[in-house]
């Protein structure tokens, strides 16, 4: 399993609109092959910051399957105009200790 981590900073004053758009967008990502689950959380310290955590079966489910899909264009149209700056996305694998 791979964890996608995206810190989402949005333009000031657009929280409600962003949250409404994300409610729609989450149905897009959750229908993708390899998707396991996700969390969407709002920062308590920074008013315009959110974090998106998505569990995927494998890295390529996100980087190839989702990002190169027609559905990604719908995701972009719903969400990308809210970001400032554009989020950096990282992927993590569980370390067995």
N, C-alpha and C. Protein backbone atom coordinates (compact mmCIF):
# COMPACT_ATOMS: atom_id res chain seq x y z
N UNK A 1 0.84 -1.18 0.00
CA UNK A 1 0.00 0.00 0.00
C UNK A 1 0.89 1.24 0.00
N UNK A 2 0.46 2.26 -0.72
CA UNK A 2 1.18 3.53 -0.85
C UNK A 2 0.28 4.63 -0.30
N UNK A 3 0.88 5.54 0.46
CA UNK A 3 0.15 6.69 0.98
C UNK A 3 0.55 7.93 0.19
N UNK A 4 -0.42 8.56 -0.42
CA UNK A 4 -0.22 9.84 -1.10
C UNK A 4 -0.52 10.94 -0.08
N UNK A 5 0.38 11.92 0.01
CA UNK A 5 0.21 13.03 0.95
C UNK A 5 0.27 14.33 0.15
N UNK A 6 -0.79 15.12 0.25
CA UNK A 6 -0.82 16.42 -0.43
C UNK A 6 -1.26 17.48 0.57
N UNK A 7 -0.41 18.48 0.75
CA UNK A 7 -0.78 19.63 1.57
C UNK A 7 -1.35 20.67 0.63
N UNK A 8 -2.58 21.06 0.90
CA UNK A 8 -3.33 21.92 -0.01
C UNK A 8 -3.52 23.29 0.61
N UNK A 9 -2.82 24.28 0.10
CA UNK A 9 -3.01 25.67 0.52
C UNK A 9 -3.91 26.33 -0.51
N UNK A 10 -5.00 26.89 -0.03
CA UNK A 10 -5.95 27.49 -0.96
C UNK A 10 -5.98 29.01 -0.80
N UNK A 11 -6.51 29.65 -1.80
CA UNK A 11 -6.58 31.11 -1.80
C UNK A 11 -7.50 31.59 -0.67
N UNK A 12 -7.12 32.67 -0.01
CA UNK A 12 -7.92 33.18 1.11
C UNK A 12 -9.36 33.47 0.71
N UNK A 13 -10.27 33.15 1.63
CA UNK A 13 -11.69 33.44 1.43
C UNK A 13 -12.43 32.43 0.58
N UNK A 14 -11.78 31.31 0.23
CA UNK A 14 -12.42 30.34 -0.65
C UNK A 14 -12.66 28.98 0.01
N UNK A 15 -12.61 28.94 1.34
CA UNK A 15 -12.76 27.68 2.06
C UNK A 15 -14.07 26.97 1.75
N UNK A 16 -15.17 27.69 1.86
CA UNK A 16 -16.48 27.05 1.65
C UNK A 16 -16.60 26.50 0.23
N UNK A 17 -16.20 27.29 -0.74
CA UNK A 17 -16.28 26.85 -2.14
C UNK A 17 -15.37 25.66 -2.38
N UNK A 18 -14.18 25.69 -1.79
CA UNK A 18 -13.24 24.58 -1.94
C UNK A 18 -13.80 23.30 -1.33
N UNK A 19 -14.34 23.40 -0.14
CA UNK A 19 -14.91 22.22 0.52
C UNK A 19 -16.08 21.66 -0.28
N UNK A 20 -16.90 22.52 -0.84
CA UNK A 20 -18.01 22.07 -1.68
C UNK A 20 -17.49 21.35 -2.92
N UNK A 21 -16.48 21.92 -3.54
CA UNK A 21 -15.89 21.30 -4.73
C UNK A 21 -15.24 19.97 -4.38
N UNK A 22 -14.59 19.91 -3.22
CA UNK A 22 -13.94 18.65 -2.84
C UNK A 22 -14.97 17.56 -2.58
N UNK A 23 -16.12 17.91 -2.02
CA UNK A 23 -17.19 16.91 -1.82
C UNK A 23 -17.54 16.23 -3.14
N UNK A 24 -17.58 17.00 -4.20
CA UNK A 24 -17.86 16.44 -5.53
C UNK A 24 -16.65 15.65 -6.04
N UNK A 25 -15.46 16.20 -5.89
CA UNK A 25 -14.25 15.60 -6.44
C UNK A 25 -13.90 14.27 -5.79
N UNK A 26 -14.24 14.09 -4.51
CA UNK A 26 -13.86 12.84 -3.85
C UNK A 26 -14.54 11.63 -4.47
N UNK A 27 -15.68 11.82 -5.10
CA UNK A 27 -16.32 10.68 -5.78
C UNK A 27 -15.53 10.26 -7.01
N UNK A 28 -14.78 11.20 -7.59
CA UNK A 28 -13.95 10.88 -8.75
C UNK A 28 -12.80 9.98 -8.32
N UNK A 29 -12.07 10.41 -7.32
CA UNK A 29 -10.88 9.65 -6.90
C UNK A 29 -11.26 8.31 -6.30
N UNK A 30 -12.35 8.27 -5.56
CA UNK A 30 -12.73 7.02 -4.89
C UNK A 30 -13.21 5.95 -5.86
N UNK A 31 -13.49 6.34 -7.10
CA UNK A 31 -13.93 5.37 -8.11
C UNK A 31 -12.77 4.83 -8.95
N UNK A 32 -11.56 5.30 -8.68
CA UNK A 32 -10.41 4.91 -9.51
C UNK A 32 -9.89 3.53 -9.12
N UNK A 33 -9.42 2.75 -10.10
CA UNK A 33 -8.80 1.47 -9.80
C UNK A 33 -7.58 1.66 -8.88
N UNK A 34 -7.46 0.82 -7.89
CA UNK A 34 -6.34 0.89 -6.96
C UNK A 34 -6.57 1.79 -5.75
N UNK A 35 -7.63 2.57 -5.78
CA UNK A 35 -7.96 3.43 -4.64
C UNK A 35 -8.40 2.56 -3.47
N UNK A 36 -7.91 2.88 -2.27
CA UNK A 36 -8.32 2.16 -1.06
C UNK A 36 -9.21 3.04 -0.19
N UNK A 37 -8.69 4.20 0.22
CA UNK A 37 -9.49 5.14 1.02
C UNK A 37 -8.76 6.48 1.08
N UNK A 38 -9.42 7.47 1.66
CA UNK A 38 -8.77 8.77 1.81
C UNK A 38 -9.28 9.49 3.06
N UNK A 39 -8.49 10.47 3.48
CA UNK A 39 -8.87 11.40 4.54
C UNK A 39 -8.64 12.81 4.02
N UNK A 40 -9.52 13.71 4.41
CA UNK A 40 -9.42 15.12 4.03
C UNK A 40 -9.59 15.90 5.32
N UNK A 41 -8.55 16.64 5.71
CA UNK A 41 -8.58 17.32 7.00
C UNK A 41 -8.17 18.78 6.84
N UNK A 42 -8.72 19.61 7.73
CA UNK A 42 -8.43 21.05 7.73
C UNK A 42 -7.48 21.37 8.87
N UNK A 43 -6.51 22.21 8.59
CA UNK A 43 -5.54 22.63 9.61
C UNK A 43 -6.21 23.45 10.69
N UNK A 44 -5.79 23.24 11.92
CA UNK A 44 -6.27 24.05 13.03
C UNK A 44 -5.45 25.32 13.18
N UNK A 45 -4.21 25.31 12.67
CA UNK A 45 -3.33 26.46 12.81
C UNK A 45 -3.38 27.42 11.62
N UNK A 46 -3.59 26.88 10.43
CA UNK A 46 -3.57 27.71 9.22
C UNK A 46 -4.93 27.61 8.53
N UNK A 47 -5.64 28.69 8.53
CA UNK A 47 -7.03 28.73 8.07
C UNK A 47 -7.25 28.21 6.65
N UNK A 48 -6.28 28.42 5.79
CA UNK A 48 -6.45 28.05 4.38
C UNK A 48 -5.69 26.79 3.99
N UNK A 49 -5.34 25.96 4.97
CA UNK A 49 -4.57 24.75 4.68
C UNK A 49 -5.39 23.49 4.98
N UNK A 50 -5.30 22.55 4.05
CA UNK A 50 -5.93 21.23 4.17
C UNK A 50 -4.86 20.19 3.88
N UNK A 51 -5.15 18.97 4.29
CA UNK A 51 -4.27 17.86 3.92
C UNK A 51 -5.15 16.75 3.34
N UNK A 52 -4.66 16.17 2.27
CA UNK A 52 -5.33 15.04 1.64
C UNK A 52 -4.41 13.84 1.74
N UNK A 53 -4.91 12.78 2.33
CA UNK A 53 -4.18 11.52 2.47
C UNK A 53 -4.96 10.46 1.70
N UNK A 54 -4.32 9.83 0.73
CA UNK A 54 -5.00 8.81 -0.08
C UNK A 54 -4.16 7.54 -0.04
N UNK A 55 -4.78 6.44 0.29
CA UNK A 55 -4.14 5.14 0.23
C UNK A 55 -4.45 4.49 -1.12
N UNK A 56 -3.39 4.08 -1.79
CA UNK A 56 -3.48 3.39 -3.08
C UNK A 56 -2.86 2.01 -2.95
N UNK A 57 -3.30 1.09 -3.77
CA UNK A 57 -2.71 -0.25 -3.76
C UNK A 57 -1.25 -0.20 -4.18
N UNK A 58 -0.95 0.57 -5.23
CA UNK A 58 0.44 0.72 -5.68
C UNK A 58 0.63 2.13 -6.25
N UNK A 59 1.87 2.55 -6.33
CA UNK A 59 2.20 3.90 -6.77
C UNK A 59 1.61 4.23 -8.14
N UNK A 60 1.72 3.30 -9.06
CA UNK A 60 1.23 3.56 -10.42
C UNK A 60 -0.28 3.75 -10.49
N UNK A 61 -1.02 3.26 -9.50
CA UNK A 61 -2.46 3.53 -9.48
C UNK A 61 -2.74 5.02 -9.40
N UNK A 62 -1.86 5.74 -8.71
CA UNK A 62 -2.01 7.20 -8.62
C UNK A 62 -1.32 7.90 -9.78
N UNK A 63 -0.03 7.62 -9.96
CA UNK A 63 0.77 8.38 -10.92
C UNK A 63 0.43 8.10 -12.38
N UNK A 64 0.06 6.88 -12.67
CA UNK A 64 -0.29 6.51 -14.05
C UNK A 64 -1.80 6.43 -14.22
N UNK A 65 -2.44 5.61 -13.38
CA UNK A 65 -3.87 5.35 -13.54
C UNK A 65 -4.73 6.58 -13.34
N UNK A 66 -4.55 7.28 -12.23
CA UNK A 66 -5.40 8.44 -11.96
C UNK A 66 -4.94 9.67 -12.74
N UNK A 67 -3.69 10.01 -12.63
CA UNK A 67 -3.22 11.26 -13.24
C UNK A 67 -3.28 11.27 -14.76
N UNK A 68 -3.30 10.11 -15.38
CA UNK A 68 -3.38 10.06 -16.84
C UNK A 68 -4.78 9.68 -17.33
N UNK A 69 -5.74 9.69 -16.42
CA UNK A 69 -7.11 9.30 -16.79
C UNK A 69 -7.93 10.52 -17.23
N UNK A 70 -8.98 10.29 -18.00
CA UNK A 70 -9.90 11.37 -18.33
C UNK A 70 -10.56 11.98 -17.08
N UNK A 71 -10.76 11.16 -16.05
CA UNK A 71 -11.37 11.64 -14.82
C UNK A 71 -10.50 12.68 -14.12
N UNK A 72 -9.19 12.59 -14.32
CA UNK A 72 -8.29 13.57 -13.71
C UNK A 72 -8.58 14.98 -14.25
N UNK A 73 -9.01 15.08 -15.48
CA UNK A 73 -9.36 16.38 -16.04
C UNK A 73 -10.55 16.99 -15.30
N UNK A 74 -11.49 16.16 -14.91
CA UNK A 74 -12.63 16.63 -14.11
C UNK A 74 -12.16 17.07 -12.72
N UNK A 75 -11.26 16.29 -12.11
CA UNK A 75 -10.66 16.62 -10.81
C UNK A 75 -9.98 18.00 -10.89
N UNK A 76 -9.16 18.17 -11.92
CA UNK A 76 -8.46 19.45 -12.11
C UNK A 76 -9.44 20.61 -12.24
N UNK A 77 -10.47 20.42 -13.04
CA UNK A 77 -11.44 21.50 -13.26
C UNK A 77 -12.15 21.89 -11.96
N UNK A 78 -12.40 20.93 -11.11
CA UNK A 78 -13.07 21.21 -9.84
C UNK A 78 -12.16 21.88 -8.82
N UNK A 79 -10.88 21.50 -8.77
CA UNK A 79 -10.04 21.87 -7.64
C UNK A 79 -8.83 22.76 -7.92
N UNK A 80 -8.20 22.62 -9.04
CA UNK A 80 -6.89 23.23 -9.22
C UNK A 80 -6.88 24.76 -9.16
N UNK A 81 -7.98 25.40 -9.48
CA UNK A 81 -8.00 26.86 -9.45
C UNK A 81 -8.04 27.43 -8.02
N UNK A 82 -8.22 26.59 -7.01
CA UNK A 82 -8.22 27.04 -5.62
C UNK A 82 -6.81 27.13 -5.03
N UNK A 83 -5.84 26.44 -5.58
CA UNK A 83 -4.53 26.29 -4.95
C UNK A 83 -3.62 27.50 -5.14
N UNK A 84 -2.93 27.86 -4.06
CA UNK A 84 -1.90 28.89 -4.11
C UNK A 84 -0.98 28.73 -2.92
N UNK A 85 0.20 28.16 -3.14
CA UNK A 85 0.77 27.65 -4.40
C UNK A 85 0.21 26.28 -4.75
N UNK A 86 0.59 25.80 -5.94
CA UNK A 86 0.16 24.47 -6.34
C UNK A 86 0.80 23.44 -5.40
N UNK A 87 0.03 22.46 -4.94
CA UNK A 87 0.56 21.52 -3.93
C UNK A 87 1.64 20.59 -4.47
N UNK A 88 2.58 20.31 -3.58
CA UNK A 88 3.56 19.27 -3.84
C UNK A 88 2.99 17.98 -3.26
N UNK A 89 3.03 16.92 -4.03
CA UNK A 89 2.48 15.64 -3.61
C UNK A 89 3.63 14.66 -3.40
N UNK A 90 3.61 13.95 -2.29
CA UNK A 90 4.62 12.94 -2.01
C UNK A 90 3.93 11.61 -1.76
N UNK A 91 4.71 10.54 -1.93
CA UNK A 91 4.20 9.19 -1.72
C UNK A 91 5.06 8.49 -0.67
N UNK A 92 4.41 7.73 0.18
CA UNK A 92 5.10 7.06 1.29
C UNK A 92 4.74 5.58 1.32
N UNK A 93 5.70 4.78 1.77
CA UNK A 93 5.48 3.36 1.98
C UNK A 93 5.70 3.07 3.46
N UNK A 94 4.92 2.17 4.00
CA UNK A 94 5.00 1.81 5.40
C UNK A 94 6.35 1.14 5.70
N UNK A 95 6.95 1.55 6.79
CA UNK A 95 8.20 0.94 7.24
C UNK A 95 7.85 -0.08 8.31
N UNK A 96 8.18 -1.31 8.06
CA UNK A 96 7.93 -2.38 9.02
C UNK A 96 9.04 -2.36 10.07
N UNK A 97 8.70 -2.13 11.29
CA UNK A 97 9.72 -2.07 12.38
C UNK A 97 9.57 -3.24 13.30
